[in-house]
Amino acid sequence: MSRSFSIYGGPTPALDTVRLEQAVTSTILRDEEDTHRYRKLFAKLSELALPQVDPEAKPESHDGRDSLTLIQHLMYAS
């Protein structure tokens, strides 16, 4: 994955669009095969992403696999 993308969809799947972000311009994909491929990619990224953190929770209650724990580890690990 070397660039960000956005998926725009609605009640009519044939009109779904993927926008690939590039340094100077963007590329728009409307082919059903392309939009399907990027939906699968987004689903995989969602599976791999760290869970959200409740900012109101006490630090000791954070799961060892959440984004705040990772940030703290990176900042304070020796």
C-alpha atoms as a PDB file:
ATOM      1  CA  MET A   1       0.000   0.000   0.000  1.00  0.00           C
ATOM      2  CA  SER A   2       1.798   3.091  -1.174  1.00  0.00           C
ATOM      3  CA  ARG A   3      -0.991   5.673  -1.340  1.00  0.00           C
ATOM      4  CA  SER A   4      -4.233   6.497   0.356  1.00  0.00           C
ATOM      5  CA  PHE A   5      -7.604   5.892  -1.195  1.00  0.00           C
ATOM      6  CA  SER A   6     -11.249   6.744  -0.617  1.00  0.00           C
ATOM      7  CA  ILE A   7     -14.259   4.657  -1.536  1.00  0.00           C
ATOM      8  CA  TYR A   8     -17.476   6.473  -2.410  1.00  0.00           C
ATOM      9  CA  GLY A   9     -20.588   4.351  -2.610  1.00  0.00           C
ATOM     10  CA  GLY A  10     -24.290   4.445  -2.188  1.00  0.00           C
ATOM     11  CA  PRO A  11     -27.429   2.456  -2.812  1.00  0.00           C
ATOM     12  CA  THR A  12     -26.438   1.792  -6.443  1.00  0.00           C
ATOM     13  CA  PRO A  13     -23.196  -0.277  -6.457  1.00  0.00           C
ATOM     14  CA  ALA A  14     -22.685   0.342 -10.177  1.00  0.00           C
ATOM     15  CA  LEU A  15     -21.991   3.996  -9.325  1.00  0.00           C
ATOM     16  CA  ASP A  16     -19.343   3.253  -6.659  1.00  0.00           C
ATOM     17  CA  THR A  17     -16.050   5.086  -7.154  1.00  0.00           C
ATOM     18  CA  VAL A  18     -12.522   4.755  -5.770  1.00  0.00           C
ATOM     19  CA  ARG A  19     -10.271   7.805  -5.581  1.00  0.00           C
ATOM     20  CA  LEU A  20      -6.518   7.140  -5.395  1.00  0.00           C
ATOM     21  CA  GLU A  21      -4.546   9.988  -3.842  1.00  0.00           C
ATOM     22  CA  GLN A  22      -1.282  10.948  -5.526  1.00  0.00           C
ATOM     23  CA  ALA A  23       1.262  13.696  -4.916  1.00  0.00           C
ATOM     24  CA  VAL A  24      -0.007  16.067  -7.604  1.00  0.00           C
ATOM     25  CA  THR A  25      -3.312  14.637  -8.793  1.00  0.00           C
ATOM     26  CA  SER A  26      -5.865  11.929  -8.068  1.00  0.00           C
ATOM     27  CA  THR A  27      -6.986   8.937 -10.076  1.00  0.00           C
ATOM     28  CA  ILE A  28     -10.649   7.969 -10.196  1.00  0.00           C
ATOM     29  CA  LEU A  29     -11.618   4.304 -10.675  1.00  0.00           C
ATOM     30  CA  ARG A  30     -15.198   3.353 -11.493  1.00  0.00           C
ATOM     31  CA  ASP A  31     -14.794  -0.173 -12.793  1.00  0.00           C
ATOM     32  CA  GLU A  32     -16.714  -2.685 -10.674  1.00  0.00           C
ATOM     33  CA  GLU A  33     -13.677  -4.975 -10.449  1.00  0.00           C
ATOM     34  CA  ASP A  34     -11.523  -2.096  -9.141  1.00  0.00           C
ATOM     35  CA  THR A  35     -14.077  -0.984  -6.558  1.00  0.00           C
ATOM     36  CA  HIS A  36     -14.497  -4.594  -5.383  1.00  0.00           C
ATOM     37  CA  ARG A  37     -10.716  -4.996  -5.026  1.00  0.00           C
ATOM     38  CA  TYR A  38     -10.428  -1.794  -2.955  1.00  0.00           C
ATOM     39  CA  ARG A  39     -13.383  -2.796  -0.759  1.00  0.00           C
ATOM     40  CA  LYS A  40     -11.591  -6.075  -0.008  1.00  0.00           C
ATOM     41  CA  LEU A  41      -8.382  -4.171   0.725  1.00  0.00           C
ATOM     42  CA  PHE A  42     -10.239  -1.810   3.066  1.00  0.00           C
ATOM     43  CA  ALA A  43     -11.813  -4.781   4.873  1.00  0.00           C
ATOM     44  CA  LYS A  44      -8.365  -6.342   5.366  1.00  0.00           C
ATOM     45  CA  LEU A  45      -6.899  -3.065   6.648  1.00  0.00           C
ATOM     46  CA  SER A  46      -9.825  -2.752   9.072  1.00  0.00           C
ATOM     47  CA  GLU A  47      -9.082  -6.243  10.426  1.00  0.00           C
ATOM     48  CA  LEU A  48      -5.426  -5.355  10.997  1.00  0.00           C
ATOM     49  CA  ALA A  49      -5.995  -1.910  12.505  1.00  0.00           C
ATOM     50  CA  LEU A  50      -5.574  -1.384  16.214  1.00  0.00           C
ATOM     51  CA  PRO A  51      -8.810  -0.790  18.111  1.00  0.00           C
ATOM     52  CA  GLN A  52      -9.816   2.713  19.114  1.00  0.00           C
ATOM     53  CA  VAL A  53      -9.016   3.938  22.601  1.00  0.00           C
ATOM     54  CA  ASP A  54     -11.451   5.522  25.017  1.00  0.00           C
ATOM     55  CA  PRO A  55      -9.627   8.721  26.066  1.00  0.00           C
ATOM     56  CA  GLU A  56     -11.622   8.788  29.315  1.00  0.00           C
ATOM     57  CA  ALA A  57     -10.342   5.373  30.436  1.00  0.00           C
ATOM     58  CA  LYS A  58      -7.512   5.097  32.953  1.00  0.00           C
ATOM     59  CA  PRO A  59      -4.127   4.134  31.422  1.00  0.00           C
ATOM     60  CA  GLU A  60      -3.986   0.819  33.314  1.00  0.00           C
ATOM     61  CA  SER A  61      -7.270  -0.290  31.740  1.00  0.00           C
ATOM     62  CA  HIS A  62      -5.948  -0.119  28.182  1.00  0.00           C
ATOM     63  CA  ASP A  63      -5.637  -3.341  26.269  1.00  0.00           C
ATOM     64  CA  GLY A  64      -2.078  -4.346  25.367  1.00  0.00           C
ATOM     65  CA  ARG A  65      -3.087  -4.170  21.715  1.00  0.00           C
ATOM     66  CA  ASP A  66      -4.583  -0.728  21.292  1.00  0.00           C
ATOM     67  CA  SER A  67      -3.241   2.398  19.653  1.00  0.00           C
ATOM     68  CA  LEU A  68      -2.462   4.258  22.892  1.00  0.00           C
ATOM     69  CA  THR A  69      -0.399   1.349  24.224  1.00  0.00           C
ATOM     70  CA  LEU A  70       1.548   1.249  20.954  1.00  0.00           C
ATOM     71  CA  ILE A  71       2.220   4.995  21.062  1.00  0.00           C
ATOM     72  CA  GLN A  72       3.344   4.807  24.677  1.00  0.00           C
ATOM     73  CA  HIS A  73       5.612   1.880  23.880  1.00  0.00           C
ATOM     74  CA  LEU A  74       7.217   3.736  20.975  1.00  0.00           C
ATOM     75  CA  MET A  75       7.678   6.907  22.996  1.00  0.00           C
ATOM     76  CA  TYR A  76       8.983   5.424  26.231  1.00  0.00           C
ATOM     77  CA  ALA A  77      10.648   2.138  25.310  1.00  0.00           C
ATOM     78  CA  SER A  78      14.377   2.196  25.847  1.00  0.00           C
END
